[in-house]
Protein backbone atom coordinates (compact mmCIF):
# COMPACT_ATOMS: atom_id res chain seq x y z
CA MET A 1 52.23 -45.62 95.01
CA LYS A 2 52.16 -49.33 94.03
CA SER A 3 53.53 -51.32 91.31
CA LYS A 4 52.95 -54.99 90.47
CA VAL A 5 54.10 -57.48 87.86
CA ILE A 6 51.32 -59.16 85.71
CA VAL A 7 52.70 -62.65 84.44
CA LEU A 8 50.60 -65.16 81.76
CA ALA A 9 51.85 -68.37 82.51
CA GLU A 10 52.57 -70.09 78.71
CA ASP A 11 49.26 -71.87 78.26
CA SER A 12 47.07 -69.07 78.98
CA LYS A 13 44.70 -67.85 76.15
CA THR A 14 45.32 -64.26 76.94
CA SER A 15 48.08 -62.70 75.11
CA PRO A 16 50.67 -59.84 76.44
CA SER A 17 48.97 -57.69 73.93
CA ARG A 18 45.09 -58.77 74.80
CA LEU A 19 46.13 -58.24 78.38
CA PHE A 20 47.63 -54.43 78.20
CA ARG A 21 44.48 -53.68 75.38
CA TYR A 22 42.12 -55.01 78.74
CA LEU A 23 43.80 -53.16 80.99
CA ASN A 24 43.52 -49.96 78.99
CA SER A 25 40.19 -50.40 78.59
CA LEU A 26 39.63 -50.43 82.03
CA GLU A 27 38.81 -47.04 83.90
CA TYR A 28 40.84 -47.16 86.23
CA ASP A 29 44.41 -44.25 87.26
CA ILE A 30 46.98 -46.92 86.46
CA ASN A 31 49.81 -46.73 84.67
CA VAL A 32 50.02 -49.23 82.07
CA LYS A 33 53.58 -51.19 80.20
CA GLU A 34 53.30 -54.24 78.33
CA THR A 35 56.04 -56.88 78.49
CA CYS A 36 56.91 -60.05 76.64
CA PHE A 37 55.51 -62.25 79.47
CA GLY A 38 51.91 -59.77 80.58
CA ALA A 39 53.04 -56.03 82.06
CA PHE A 40 53.40 -53.96 84.54
CA ILE A 41 50.95 -51.93 86.14
CA GLU A 42 51.75 -48.99 89.06
CA GLY A 43 49.22 -46.19 90.43
CA GLU A 44 47.52 -46.21 94.23
CA ASP A 45 47.75 -48.84 96.04
CA GLY A 46 44.07 -49.22 96.55
CA VAL A 47 43.34 -48.76 92.86
CA VAL A 48 46.02 -51.50 91.65
CA ASP A 49 44.85 -54.52 94.32
CA GLU A 50 41.66 -54.43 92.55
CA VAL A 51 43.44 -54.22 89.13
CA VAL A 52 44.85 -56.76 90.46
CA LYS A 53 41.43 -58.55 90.92
CA LEU A 54 39.88 -58.62 88.12
CA VAL A 55 42.76 -59.08 85.73
CA ARG A 56 43.05 -62.64 87.80
CA ASP A 57 39.29 -63.08 87.54
CA LEU A 58 39.92 -63.35 83.23
CA GLU A 59 41.63 -66.38 83.35
CA LYS A 60 41.71 -67.86 86.58
CA ASN A 61 44.58 -69.95 87.65
CA LYS A 62 46.72 -68.63 84.41
CA ILE A 63 47.23 -65.20 85.72
CA PHE A 64 49.83 -64.49 88.24
CA CYS A 65 50.98 -61.33 90.20
CA LYS A 66 53.98 -60.22 92.17
CA ASP A 67 54.43 -57.35 93.92
CA ARG A 68 57.41 -55.21 92.12
CA GLY A 69 60.12 -53.16 93.41
CA PHE A 70 60.43 -50.22 91.33
CA PRO A 71 58.24 -48.16 89.39
CA ILE A 72 57.89 -48.28 85.80
CA TRP A 73 60.16 -46.50 83.68
CA ASP A 74 62.63 -46.28 86.65
CA GLN A 75 65.70 -45.08 84.76
CA ARG A 76 67.53 -47.78 86.72
CA ARG A 77 65.97 -50.99 86.17
CA CYS A 78 64.62 -49.49 82.19
CA ARG A 79 65.99 -51.05 79.42
CA ALA A 80 65.75 -48.11 77.98
CA PHE A 81 68.34 -45.80 79.51
CA ARG A 82 70.44 -48.74 79.90
CA LYS A 83 71.29 -49.50 76.48
CA GLY A 84 69.78 -52.56 76.50
CA GLY A 85 70.44 -55.96 77.67
CA PRO A 86 67.82 -58.23 80.42
CA ARG A 87 67.18 -56.66 83.67
CA GLU A 88 68.72 -57.46 87.08
CA GLY A 89 65.92 -60.55 87.79
CA PHE A 90 64.38 -61.00 83.79
CA HIS A 91 65.70 -64.62 83.72
CA GLN A 92 64.62 -65.24 87.62
CA LEU A 93 61.21 -63.80 86.36
CA GLU A 94 61.78 -66.10 83.19
CA ALA A 95 62.21 -68.98 84.75
CA GLU A 96 59.29 -68.65 87.17
CA GLN A 97 57.23 -68.23 84.00
CA LYS A 98 57.82 -71.43 82.92
CA ILE A 99 56.52 -73.55 85.69
CA LEU A 100 53.35 -71.19 85.97
CA ASP A 101 51.24 -74.20 83.70
CA ARG A 102 52.23 -76.42 85.56
CA ILE A 103 51.02 -74.64 88.73
CA SER A 104 47.94 -73.92 87.27
CA LYS A 105 47.08 -77.26 86.47
CA ALA A 106 47.78 -78.19 90.63
CA LEU A 107 45.19 -75.07 91.21
CA ASP A 108 42.77 -76.49 89.31
CA ALA A 109 43.07 -80.07 90.86
CA VAL A 110 42.85 -78.66 93.88
CA GLU A 111 39.78 -77.03 93.00
CA ASN A 112 38.17 -79.55 91.35
CA GLU A 113 38.62 -81.79 94.56
CA GLU A 114 40.81 -83.78 91.75
CA ILE A 115 43.23 -84.14 94.82
CA SER A 116 43.19 -82.44 97.92
CA GLU A 117 45.29 -80.34 99.95
CA GLU A 118 46.04 -82.77 102.40
CA LYS A 119 47.64 -85.11 100.06
CA ILE A 120 49.55 -82.20 99.05
CA GLU A 121 50.71 -81.19 102.47
CA GLU A 122 51.60 -84.81 102.89
CA GLU A 123 53.59 -85.58 99.67
CA PHE A 124 55.74 -81.76 100.67
CA LYS A 125 56.54 -83.82 104.34
CA ASN A 126 57.77 -86.68 102.82
CA LEU A 127 60.26 -84.67 100.12
CA LYS A 128 61.46 -82.45 102.45
CA ASN A 129 62.79 -85.34 105.04
CA LYS A 130 64.40 -87.14 102.38
CA LYS A 131 68.12 -86.03 101.10
CA LEU A 132 68.47 -85.97 98.03
CA LYS A 133 71.93 -87.87 96.47
CA VAL A 134 74.38 -86.07 94.43
CA ASP A 135 73.94 -88.50 91.45
CA ALA A 136 70.60 -88.81 91.13
CA PHE A 137 70.17 -85.13 91.51
CA GLU A 138 73.35 -84.94 88.67
CA LYS A 139 71.13 -87.63 86.78
CA ILE A 140 67.36 -85.53 87.04
CA ALA A 141 70.37 -82.47 86.07
CA ASP A 142 71.27 -84.09 83.09
CA GLU A 143 67.37 -84.70 82.57
CA VAL A 144 66.04 -81.69 82.64
CA LEU A 145 69.15 -79.96 80.59
CA LYS A 146 67.86 -82.26 77.53
CA GLU A 147 64.25 -81.52 77.58
CA ASN A 148 65.04 -77.76 77.37
């Protein structure tokens, strides 16, 4: 049994309810739960992998998937059994979703050969070797907090 999280980029044309309807229209033996950011799916390993491939093909680079450690409706995680409130890890997932539109644009740029993978690796190496001064970090943090 495998459980996956399907997360839609904010600029995706697919909505969580549309994704939910699509997943339920497939003739696969899976359980589906609609969420505010996409959906949870679970089923046999091969079936879930096949469904994930179909879903990702709906909107390439706008729909992202990752493994989920708990089954749908697991009493340790489900809000219905815990009397509400965000589940553990929700805020991390929310933060990840907020940057997916930028990741999507970067993936599109690589696929359209607007930027090469080698250039990205070079830029990453340059950033990785640089140290950021505390006051520069504070300035960046202040700017980000003002935007949100």
